[in-house]
Amino acid sequence: MKLETKRLVLEKLEMKHDKAFYSYRSDVETNKYQGWIPYALEDCQHFIKNRIAKEFNEPGTWYQFAIILQDSNEMIGDFGVHFLDGDEHQVEIGCTINKKHHRKGYAKEAANAIINHLFCNLKKHRIIASVDPLNTPSILLIEKLGFRKEAHFKESILINGQWVDDVIYAILGKEWATTAT
C-alpha cells in the first residue's frame, strides 16, 4: 500500500526503516503520550516484524505507514491504522512525527491522505482517534481535521506505571465528505 501527497510518500513500514523509526520513537520526552517507546533498535525491529499487518485492511491488525519526505527520501514519522476486529466499517488512527519536523503540516497532510483513502476508497463508516487529554498538539490536529470529541475516560489506560485519562475523537464518512481539507 502506497499513497502520495504533494510533499510525502506514505508506504508500509518495513525493516529498511528500522533506524529512522528508532531515532524518533525512542525520544521519551517527545513521545510521553505514547503507549509504546522502544528502548533499543531491536525493539523496533521486533515491532516491525511481528506487530504490523501484512496487508492493508486486515481486520484485527494495525497497519503502519512510514511517512517519507518526497524531496529528500527522509523518513520523518509513522502513521498507524487499526482495523478493528469484528467491525469492518470502523478504524482507529494514530500518528507520530519526529520532533525535528513538528509544526510543518506533515501530520495533517499524511492524515488527510489516509483518511480520504479510508472513506472514499474503502468506504469506511467511522474513524476514531484515542488521545491523552494533555496532548494539546494532537488534539488541535484532529479537531482541525473535523473530528469531534465523543468521550473522556478517567484513568483508563496504564502507561509507564501510571493511570492516564483517554479522550476519544471520531468522524463519520459523511462528515468527512463535507469538511475534507
N, C-alpha and C. Protein backbone atom coordinates (compact mmCIF):
# COMPACT_ATOMS: atom_id res chain seq x y z
N MET A 1 0.84 -1.18 0.00
CA MET A 1 0.00 0.00 0.00
C MET A 1 0.89 1.24 0.00
N LYS A 2 0.62 2.15 -0.91
CA LYS A 2 1.43 3.36 -1.02
C LYS A 2 0.51 4.51 -1.41
N LEU A 3 0.67 5.64 -0.72
CA LEU A 3 -0.06 6.86 -1.04
C LEU A 3 0.96 7.98 -1.21
N GLU A 4 0.62 8.96 -2.06
CA GLU A 4 1.50 10.11 -2.23
C GLU A 4 0.70 11.39 -2.07
N THR A 5 1.36 12.39 -1.49
CA THR A 5 0.77 13.72 -1.35
C THR A 5 1.74 14.69 -2.04
N LYS A 6 1.46 15.96 -1.89
CA LYS A 6 2.32 16.98 -2.50
C LYS A 6 3.77 16.85 -2.02
N ARG A 7 3.95 16.59 -0.71
CA ARG A 7 5.30 16.56 -0.14
C ARG A 7 5.73 15.19 0.40
N LEU A 8 4.80 14.24 0.50
CA LEU A 8 5.06 13.00 1.23
C LEU A 8 4.81 11.75 0.40
N VAL A 9 5.52 10.69 0.77
CA VAL A 9 5.23 9.34 0.31
C VAL A 9 4.87 8.56 1.58
N LEU A 10 3.76 7.87 1.54
CA LEU A 10 3.30 7.03 2.66
C LEU A 10 3.35 5.60 2.18
N GLU A 11 4.28 4.83 2.76
CA GLU A 11 4.45 3.44 2.35
C GLU A 11 4.51 2.56 3.59
N LYS A 12 4.33 1.28 3.38
CA LYS A 12 4.35 0.35 4.51
C LYS A 12 5.67 0.45 5.28
N LEU A 13 5.57 0.50 6.61
CA LEU A 13 6.75 0.50 7.47
C LEU A 13 7.40 -0.88 7.38
N GLU A 14 8.66 -0.91 6.99
CA GLU A 14 9.38 -2.16 6.81
C GLU A 14 10.74 -2.11 7.52
N MET A 15 11.44 -3.21 7.50
CA MET A 15 12.72 -3.30 8.20
C MET A 15 13.72 -2.26 7.70
N LYS A 16 13.63 -1.85 6.47
CA LYS A 16 14.56 -0.84 5.94
C LYS A 16 14.39 0.51 6.67
N HIS A 17 13.29 0.68 7.38
CA HIS A 17 13.02 1.93 8.11
C HIS A 17 13.42 1.86 9.58
N ASP A 18 13.97 0.72 10.03
CA ASP A 18 14.14 0.50 11.47
C ASP A 18 14.96 1.58 12.19
N LYS A 19 16.05 2.02 11.60
CA LYS A 19 16.91 3.00 12.28
C LYS A 19 16.22 4.36 12.38
N ALA A 20 15.58 4.81 11.33
CA ALA A 20 14.86 6.08 11.37
C ALA A 20 13.69 6.00 12.35
N PHE A 21 12.99 4.89 12.33
CA PHE A 21 11.87 4.66 13.24
C PHE A 21 12.34 4.75 14.70
N TYR A 22 13.45 4.09 14.99
CA TYR A 22 14.01 4.11 16.34
C TYR A 22 14.48 5.52 16.74
N SER A 23 15.03 6.26 15.80
CA SER A 23 15.62 7.55 16.12
C SER A 23 14.62 8.52 16.73
N TYR A 24 13.36 8.51 16.28
CA TYR A 24 12.38 9.43 16.86
C TYR A 24 11.43 8.74 17.85
N ARG A 25 11.16 7.47 17.68
CA ARG A 25 10.25 6.78 18.60
C ARG A 25 10.88 6.55 19.98
N SER A 26 12.21 6.55 20.07
CA SER A 26 12.88 6.32 21.35
C SER A 26 13.02 7.60 22.17
N ASP A 27 12.61 8.74 21.63
CA ASP A 27 12.68 10.02 22.34
C ASP A 27 11.57 10.05 23.39
N VAL A 28 11.93 9.78 24.62
CA VAL A 28 10.95 9.62 25.71
C VAL A 28 10.13 10.89 25.94
N GLU A 29 10.76 12.05 25.91
CA GLU A 29 10.03 13.29 26.18
C GLU A 29 9.02 13.60 25.07
N THR A 30 9.46 13.50 23.82
CA THR A 30 8.56 13.80 22.69
C THR A 30 7.40 12.82 22.65
N ASN A 31 7.64 11.57 23.03
CA ASN A 31 6.62 10.52 22.91
C ASN A 31 6.00 10.14 24.25
N LYS A 32 5.98 11.08 25.19
CA LYS A 32 5.48 10.78 26.53
C LYS A 32 4.02 10.36 26.57
N TYR A 33 3.26 10.65 25.53
CA TYR A 33 1.84 10.26 25.49
C TYR A 33 1.63 8.93 24.75
N GLN A 34 2.72 8.34 24.27
CA GLN A 34 2.63 7.08 23.54
C GLN A 34 2.57 5.90 24.52
N GLY A 35 1.88 4.87 24.13
CA GLY A 35 1.81 3.67 24.95
C GLY A 35 3.00 2.75 24.76
N TRP A 36 3.81 3.01 23.72
CA TRP A 36 4.97 2.16 23.44
C TRP A 36 6.15 3.04 23.07
N ILE A 37 7.26 2.87 23.79
CA ILE A 37 8.51 3.56 23.48
C ILE A 37 9.60 2.50 23.45
N PRO A 38 10.31 2.37 22.33
CA PRO A 38 11.38 1.37 22.24
C PRO A 38 12.61 1.79 23.03
N TYR A 39 13.26 0.82 23.66
CA TYR A 39 14.47 1.10 24.43
C TYR A 39 15.73 0.70 23.69
N ALA A 40 15.57 -0.04 22.58
CA ALA A 40 16.71 -0.47 21.76
C ALA A 40 16.23 -0.65 20.32
N LEU A 41 17.15 -0.60 19.39
CA LEU A 41 16.82 -0.80 17.98
C LEU A 41 16.10 -2.13 17.78
N GLU A 42 16.48 -3.13 18.56
CA GLU A 42 15.86 -4.45 18.45
C GLU A 42 14.36 -4.40 18.77
N ASP A 43 13.96 -3.50 19.65
CA ASP A 43 12.53 -3.34 19.96
C ASP A 43 11.77 -2.90 18.71
N CYS A 44 12.37 -1.99 17.95
CA CYS A 44 11.74 -1.53 16.71
C CYS A 44 11.71 -2.63 15.66
N GLN A 45 12.78 -3.38 15.57
CA GLN A 45 12.83 -4.49 14.61
C GLN A 45 11.77 -5.53 14.95
N HIS A 46 11.61 -5.83 16.22
CA HIS A 46 10.58 -6.78 16.66
C HIS A 46 9.19 -6.24 16.33
N PHE A 47 8.96 -4.96 16.58
CA PHE A 47 7.69 -4.31 16.28
C PHE A 47 7.37 -4.43 14.79
N ILE A 48 8.34 -4.08 13.95
CA ILE A 48 8.13 -4.13 12.50
C ILE A 48 7.86 -5.56 12.04
N LYS A 49 8.61 -6.50 12.56
CA LYS A 49 8.48 -7.89 12.13
C LYS A 49 7.20 -8.56 12.62
N ASN A 50 6.77 -8.24 13.85
CA ASN A 50 5.71 -9.02 14.48
C ASN A 50 4.40 -8.29 14.75
N ARG A 51 4.38 -6.98 14.67
CA ARG A 51 3.17 -6.27 15.10
C ARG A 51 2.47 -5.50 14.00
N ILE A 52 2.99 -5.56 12.78
CA ILE A 52 2.38 -4.82 11.68
C ILE A 52 1.72 -5.82 10.73
N ALA A 53 0.51 -5.48 10.30
CA ALA A 53 -0.23 -6.35 9.39
C ALA A 53 0.53 -6.54 8.08
N LYS A 54 0.37 -7.69 7.51
CA LYS A 54 0.99 -7.97 6.21
C LYS A 54 0.26 -7.22 5.10
N GLU A 55 -1.06 -7.11 5.25
CA GLU A 55 -1.89 -6.47 4.23
C GLU A 55 -2.68 -5.32 4.82
N PHE A 56 -2.96 -4.33 4.02
CA PHE A 56 -3.80 -3.21 4.41
C PHE A 56 -5.25 -3.67 4.47
N ASN A 57 -5.99 -3.22 5.48
CA ASN A 57 -7.40 -3.52 5.66
C ASN A 57 -7.64 -4.95 6.17
N GLU A 58 -6.72 -5.45 6.98
CA GLU A 58 -6.83 -6.78 7.58
C GLU A 58 -7.44 -6.64 8.98
N PRO A 59 -8.66 -7.15 9.20
CA PRO A 59 -9.35 -6.98 10.49
C PRO A 59 -8.50 -7.46 11.68
N GLY A 60 -8.56 -6.69 12.76
CA GLY A 60 -7.88 -7.05 13.99
C GLY A 60 -6.40 -6.74 13.99
N THR A 61 -5.92 -5.91 13.05
CA THR A 61 -4.49 -5.60 12.96
C THR A 61 -4.25 -4.10 12.86
N TRP A 62 -3.02 -3.73 13.13
CA TRP A 62 -2.52 -2.38 12.87
C TRP A 62 -1.67 -2.43 11.61
N TYR A 63 -1.89 -1.48 10.71
CA TYR A 63 -1.04 -1.31 9.53
C TYR A 63 -0.30 0.00 9.75
N GLN A 64 1.00 -0.03 9.61
CA GLN A 64 1.81 1.15 9.91
C GLN A 64 2.45 1.67 8.62
N PHE A 65 2.19 2.96 8.34
CA PHE A 65 2.84 3.64 7.22
C PHE A 65 4.10 4.34 7.70
N ALA A 66 5.14 4.32 6.89
CA ALA A 66 6.30 5.19 7.08
C ALA A 66 5.95 6.49 6.35
N ILE A 67 6.21 7.63 6.99
CA ILE A 67 5.98 8.94 6.37
C ILE A 67 7.33 9.43 5.88
N ILE A 68 7.46 9.61 4.57
CA ILE A 68 8.75 9.92 3.94
C ILE A 68 8.63 11.21 3.13
N LEU A 69 9.61 12.10 3.30
CA LEU A 69 9.65 13.33 2.51
C LEU A 69 10.01 12.98 1.07
N GLN A 70 9.21 13.48 0.13
CA GLN A 70 9.47 13.19 -1.28
C GLN A 70 10.80 13.75 -1.75
N ASP A 71 11.12 14.98 -1.32
CA ASP A 71 12.31 15.64 -1.87
C ASP A 71 13.63 15.08 -1.35
N SER A 72 13.64 14.50 -0.15
CA SER A 72 14.91 14.00 0.42
C SER A 72 14.91 12.50 0.71
N ASN A 73 13.77 11.87 0.62
CA ASN A 73 13.61 10.44 0.94
C ASN A 73 13.86 10.14 2.42
N GLU A 74 13.76 11.17 3.28
CA GLU A 74 13.96 11.01 4.72
C GLU A 74 12.65 10.56 5.37
N MET A 75 12.73 9.53 6.21
CA MET A 75 11.57 9.10 6.98
C MET A 75 11.43 10.03 8.18
N ILE A 76 10.25 10.66 8.32
CA ILE A 76 10.04 11.65 9.38
C ILE A 76 8.98 11.25 10.39
N GLY A 77 8.34 10.11 10.18
CA GLY A 77 7.31 9.68 11.11
C GLY A 77 6.62 8.42 10.65
N ASP A 78 5.59 8.06 11.40
CA ASP A 78 4.79 6.90 11.03
C ASP A 78 3.33 7.17 11.36
N PHE A 79 2.46 6.47 10.67
CA PHE A 79 1.02 6.65 10.81
C PHE A 79 0.38 5.28 10.87
N GLY A 80 -0.32 4.99 11.97
CA GLY A 80 -0.94 3.69 12.15
C GLY A 80 -2.43 3.71 11.89
N VAL A 81 -2.91 2.63 11.28
CA VAL A 81 -4.33 2.42 11.06
C VAL A 81 -4.70 1.08 11.68
N HIS A 82 -5.60 1.12 12.66
CA HIS A 82 -6.05 -0.08 13.35
C HIS A 82 -7.38 -0.52 12.75
N PHE A 83 -7.37 -1.65 12.08
CA PHE A 83 -8.58 -2.22 11.50
C PHE A 83 -9.22 -3.08 12.60
N LEU A 84 -10.27 -2.57 13.18
CA LEU A 84 -10.87 -3.17 14.37
C LEU A 84 -11.38 -4.57 14.09
N ASP A 85 -11.13 -5.46 15.02
CA ASP A 85 -11.58 -6.84 14.91
C ASP A 85 -13.09 -6.90 15.06
N GLY A 86 -13.76 -7.55 14.13
CA GLY A 86 -15.20 -7.73 14.22
C GLY A 86 -16.01 -6.55 13.73
N ASP A 87 -15.35 -5.51 13.20
CA ASP A 87 -16.08 -4.34 12.70
C ASP A 87 -15.36 -3.77 11.49
N GLU A 88 -15.76 -4.24 10.33
CA GLU A 88 -15.07 -3.84 9.10
C GLU A 88 -15.37 -2.40 8.68
N HIS A 89 -16.27 -1.72 9.39
CA HIS A 89 -16.67 -0.37 8.99
C HIS A 89 -15.99 0.75 9.78
N GLN A 90 -15.24 0.41 10.84
CA GLN A 90 -14.61 1.41 11.67
C GLN A 90 -13.12 1.13 11.83
N VAL A 91 -12.34 2.21 11.92
CA VAL A 91 -10.91 2.09 12.15
C VAL A 91 -10.47 3.14 13.17
N GLU A 92 -9.30 2.89 13.74
CA GLU A 92 -8.66 3.84 14.65
C GLU A 92 -7.36 4.29 14.00
N ILE A 93 -6.99 5.55 14.20
CA ILE A 93 -5.75 6.06 13.62
C ILE A 93 -4.86 6.68 14.69
N GLY A 94 -3.57 6.77 14.38
CA GLY A 94 -2.61 7.43 15.25
C GLY A 94 -1.36 7.79 14.46
N CYS A 95 -0.69 8.86 14.88
CA CYS A 95 0.46 9.36 14.12
C CYS A 95 1.57 9.81 15.07
N THR A 96 2.81 9.59 14.66
CA THR A 96 3.98 10.06 15.39
C THR A 96 4.92 10.71 14.38
N ILE A 97 5.34 11.94 14.68
CA ILE A 97 6.26 12.68 13.81
C ILE A 97 7.53 13.00 14.59
N ASN A 98 8.67 12.85 13.94
CA ASN A 98 9.95 13.23 14.52
C ASN A 98 9.89 14.70 14.93
N LYS A 99 10.35 15.03 16.14
CA LYS A 99 10.22 16.40 16.66
C LYS A 99 10.93 17.43 15.78
N LYS A 100 11.91 17.02 14.99
CA LYS A 100 12.57 17.96 14.07
C LYS A 100 11.61 18.44 12.99
N HIS A 101 10.51 17.74 12.82
CA HIS A 101 9.57 18.06 11.74
C HIS A 101 8.19 18.47 12.25
N HIS A 102 8.11 18.77 13.55
CA HIS A 102 6.84 19.25 14.11
C HIS A 102 6.50 20.63 13.54
N ARG A 103 5.22 20.94 13.54
CA ARG A 103 4.68 22.25 13.14
C ARG A 103 5.02 22.63 11.69
N LYS A 104 5.06 21.66 10.82
CA LYS A 104 5.29 21.92 9.40
C LYS A 104 4.13 21.41 8.55
N GLY A 105 3.09 20.88 9.21
CA GLY A 105 1.91 20.41 8.49
C GLY A 105 2.01 19.00 7.95
N TYR A 106 3.06 18.27 8.27
CA TYR A 106 3.23 16.92 7.74
C TYR A 106 2.20 15.93 8.30
N ALA A 107 1.91 16.02 9.58
CA ALA A 107 0.93 15.11 10.18
C ALA A 107 -0.45 15.32 9.55
N LYS A 108 -0.83 16.57 9.36
CA LYS A 108 -2.13 16.86 8.75
C LYS A 108 -2.17 16.38 7.30
N GLU A 109 -1.08 16.58 6.58
CA GLU A 109 -1.02 16.15 5.18
C GLU A 109 -1.13 14.63 5.07
N ALA A 110 -0.41 13.92 5.93
CA ALA A 110 -0.49 12.46 5.93
C ALA A 110 -1.88 12.00 6.34
N ALA A 111 -2.42 12.60 7.39
CA ALA A 111 -3.77 12.22 7.86
C ALA A 111 -4.82 12.45 6.78
N ASN A 112 -4.76 13.58 6.11
CA ASN A 112 -5.72 13.85 5.03
C ASN A 112 -5.70 12.76 3.97
N ALA A 113 -4.51 12.37 3.55
CA ALA A 113 -4.40 11.34 2.51
C ALA A 113 -4.94 10.00 2.98
N ILE A 114 -4.59 9.61 4.18
CA ILE A 114 -5.01 8.31 4.69
C ILE A 114 -6.51 8.30 4.99
N ILE A 115 -7.01 9.33 5.64
CA ILE A 115 -8.44 9.40 5.95
C ILE A 115 -9.25 9.43 4.67
N ASN A 116 -8.80 10.20 3.70
CA ASN A 116 -9.51 10.26 2.42
C ASN A 116 -9.56 8.88 1.76
N HIS A 117 -8.45 8.15 1.80
CA HIS A 117 -8.42 6.80 1.24
C HIS A 117 -9.39 5.87 1.99
N LEU A 118 -9.37 5.96 3.31
CA LEU A 118 -10.24 5.09 4.12
C LEU A 118 -11.72 5.35 3.83
N PHE A 119 -12.10 6.60 3.73
CA PHE A 119 -13.51 6.93 3.49
C PHE A 119 -13.90 6.78 2.02
N CYS A 120 -13.12 7.31 1.12
CA CYS A 120 -13.51 7.36 -0.29
C CYS A 120 -13.27 6.05 -1.04
N ASN A 121 -12.16 5.38 -0.75
CA ASN A 121 -11.86 4.15 -1.49
C ASN A 121 -12.34 2.89 -0.77
N LEU A 122 -12.14 2.86 0.56
CA LEU A 122 -12.53 1.66 1.31
C LEU A 122 -13.94 1.76 1.90
N LYS A 123 -14.55 2.93 1.78
CA LYS A 123 -15.93 3.15 2.24
C LYS A 123 -16.12 2.85 3.73
N LYS A 124 -15.12 3.21 4.53
CA LYS A 124 -15.26 3.06 5.98
C LYS A 124 -16.34 4.03 6.47
N HIS A 125 -17.00 3.67 7.53
CA HIS A 125 -18.10 4.47 8.08
C HIS A 125 -17.62 5.50 9.11
N ARG A 126 -16.65 5.08 9.96
CA ARG A 126 -16.26 5.92 11.09
C ARG A 126 -14.79 5.70 11.42
N ILE A 127 -14.10 6.80 11.75
CA ILE A 127 -12.70 6.74 12.16
C ILE A 127 -12.59 7.37 13.54
N ILE A 128 -11.84 6.70 14.43
CA ILE A 128 -11.65 7.23 15.77
C ILE A 128 -10.17 7.49 16.03
N ALA A 129 -9.93 8.36 17.00
CA ALA A 129 -8.57 8.64 17.47
C ALA A 129 -8.61 8.70 18.98
N SER A 130 -7.71 8.01 19.63
CA SER A 130 -7.58 7.97 21.08
C SER A 130 -6.40 8.85 21.47
N VAL A 131 -6.65 9.84 22.35
CA VAL A 131 -5.62 10.84 22.66
C VAL A 131 -5.57 11.11 24.16
N ASP A 132 -4.37 11.29 24.69
CA ASP A 132 -4.22 11.75 26.06
C ASP A 132 -4.70 13.21 26.10
N PRO A 133 -5.58 13.57 27.03
CA PRO A 133 -6.11 14.94 27.06
C PRO A 133 -5.05 16.01 27.31
N LEU A 134 -3.86 15.62 27.75
CA LEU A 134 -2.76 16.58 27.94
C LEU A 134 -1.98 16.82 26.65
N ASN A 135 -2.24 16.02 25.63
CA ASN A 135 -1.53 16.12 24.36
C ASN A 135 -2.22 17.16 23.46
N THR A 136 -2.06 18.40 23.81
CA THR A 136 -2.74 19.51 23.12
C THR A 136 -2.45 19.57 21.62
N PRO A 137 -1.19 19.42 21.16
CA PRO A 137 -0.95 19.48 19.71
C PRO A 137 -1.74 18.42 18.93
N SER A 138 -1.82 17.21 19.46
CA SER A 138 -2.58 16.16 18.76
C SER A 138 -4.07 16.47 18.75
N ILE A 139 -4.57 16.99 19.85
CA ILE A 139 -5.99 17.36 19.91
C ILE A 139 -6.30 18.46 18.91
N LEU A 140 -5.45 19.47 18.83
CA LEU A 140 -5.66 20.54 17.86
C LEU A 140 -5.66 20.00 16.44
N LEU A 141 -4.76 19.07 16.16
CA LEU A 141 -4.69 18.48 14.81
C LEU A 141 -5.98 17.74 14.48
N ILE A 142 -6.43 16.86 15.35
CA ILE A 142 -7.62 16.08 15.00
C ILE A 142 -8.87 16.95 14.94
N GLU A 143 -8.91 17.99 15.73
CA GLU A 143 -10.04 18.93 15.62
C GLU A 143 -10.00 19.68 14.30
N LYS A 144 -8.80 20.07 13.83
CA LYS A 144 -8.66 20.72 12.51
C LYS A 144 -9.11 19.79 11.39
N LEU A 145 -8.94 18.49 11.61
CA LEU A 145 -9.35 17.50 10.61
C LEU A 145 -10.86 17.26 10.62
N GLY A 146 -11.57 17.86 11.57
CA GLY A 146 -13.02 17.71 11.63
C GLY A 146 -13.54 16.69 12.62
N PHE A 147 -12.64 16.09 13.40
CA PHE A 147 -13.08 15.11 14.41
C PHE A 147 -13.76 15.84 15.56
N ARG A 148 -14.70 15.16 16.20
CA ARG A 148 -15.40 15.71 17.36
C ARG A 148 -15.10 14.84 18.58
N LYS A 149 -15.08 15.46 19.74
CA LYS A 149 -14.84 14.73 20.99
C LYS A 149 -16.10 13.96 21.34
N GLU A 150 -15.93 12.66 21.61
CA GLU A 150 -17.07 11.80 21.93
C GLU A 150 -17.04 11.27 23.35
N ALA A 151 -15.84 11.16 23.94
CA ALA A 151 -15.77 10.58 25.29
C ALA A 151 -14.48 11.00 25.98
N HIS A 152 -14.55 11.03 27.30
CA HIS A 152 -13.37 11.28 28.13
C HIS A 152 -13.40 10.24 29.25
N PHE A 153 -12.47 9.29 29.18
CA PHE A 153 -12.39 8.23 30.16
C PHE A 153 -11.31 8.57 31.19
N LYS A 154 -11.68 8.57 32.46
CA LYS A 154 -10.77 8.90 33.55
C LYS A 154 -9.90 7.70 33.91
N GLU A 155 -8.59 7.95 33.98
CA GLU A 155 -7.61 6.94 34.39
C GLU A 155 -7.93 5.55 33.82
N SER A 156 -8.06 5.49 32.51
CA SER A 156 -8.50 4.25 31.86
C SER A 156 -7.38 3.46 31.19
N ILE A 157 -6.18 4.06 31.09
CA ILE A 157 -5.07 3.39 30.42
C ILE A 157 -3.85 3.46 31.32
N LEU A 158 -3.18 2.32 31.47
CA LEU A 158 -1.96 2.26 32.26
C LEU A 158 -0.76 2.43 31.33
N ILE A 159 -0.03 3.55 31.47
CA ILE A 159 1.14 3.83 30.64
C ILE A 159 2.32 4.11 31.56
N ASN A 160 3.37 3.34 31.37
CA ASN A 160 4.58 3.51 32.17
C ASN A 160 4.29 3.54 33.67
N GLY A 161 3.40 2.66 34.12
CA GLY A 161 3.10 2.54 35.54
C GLY A 161 2.16 3.60 36.10
N GLN A 162 1.61 4.45 35.24
CA GLN A 162 0.68 5.48 35.70
C GLN A 162 -0.64 5.36 34.96
N TRP A 163 -1.74 5.54 35.69
CA TRP A 163 -3.06 5.56 35.08
C TRP A 163 -3.30 6.94 34.48
N VAL A 164 -3.64 6.98 33.19
CA VAL A 164 -3.87 8.24 32.50
C VAL A 164 -5.26 8.25 31.87
N ASP A 165 -5.76 9.46 31.66
CA ASP A 165 -7.05 9.63 31.00
C ASP A 165 -6.91 9.36 29.50
N ASP A 166 -8.04 9.10 28.86
CA ASP A 166 -8.09 8.85 27.43
C ASP A 166 -9.30 9.59 26.86
N VAL A 167 -9.06 10.36 25.81
CA VAL A 167 -10.13 11.08 25.14
C VAL A 167 -10.32 10.47 23.76
N ILE A 168 -11.57 10.22 23.41
CA ILE A 168 -11.89 9.62 22.11
C ILE A 168 -12.52 10.68 21.21
N TYR A 169 -11.95 10.81 20.03
CA TYR A 169 -12.49 11.68 18.99
C TYR A 169 -12.91 10.80 17.82
N ALA A 170 -13.87 11.26 17.02
CA ALA A 170 -14.32 10.48 15.88
C ALA A 170 -14.86 11.38 14.78
N ILE A 171 -14.91 10.82 13.59
CA ILE A 171 -15.53 11.48 12.44
C ILE A 171 -16.19 10.41 11.59
N LEU A 172 -17.33 10.74 11.02
CA LEU A 172 -18.06 9.84 10.12
C LEU A 172 -17.69 10.16 8.68
N GLY A 173 -17.82 9.17 7.82
CA GLY A 173 -17.54 9.37 6.41
C GLY A 173 -18.35 10.50 5.79
N LYS A 174 -19.63 10.59 6.17
CA LYS A 174 -20.47 11.66 5.60
C LYS A 174 -20.04 13.03 6.09
N GLU A 175 -19.46 13.10 7.30
CA GLU A 175 -18.94 14.37 7.80
C GLU A 175 -17.65 14.74 7.05
N TRP A 176 -16.80 13.74 6.80
CA TRP A 176 -15.55 13.99 6.08
C TRP A 176 -15.84 14.53 4.69
N ALA A 177 -16.85 14.01 4.04
CA ALA A 177 -17.18 14.44 2.68
C ALA A 177 -17.49 15.93 2.63
N THR A 178 -17.98 16.50 3.72
CA THR A 178 -18.32 17.93 3.73
C THR A 178 -17.24 18.81 4.33
N THR A 179 -16.22 18.20 5.00
CA THR A 179 -15.20 19.02 5.67
C THR A 179 -13.79 18.73 5.19
N ALA A 180 -13.59 17.81 4.28
CA ALA A 180 -12.25 17.41 3.84
C ALA A 180 -11.44 18.63 3.41
N THR A 181 -10.17 18.66 3.89
CA THR A 181 -9.29 19.79 3.57
C THR A 181 -8.08 19.34 2.81
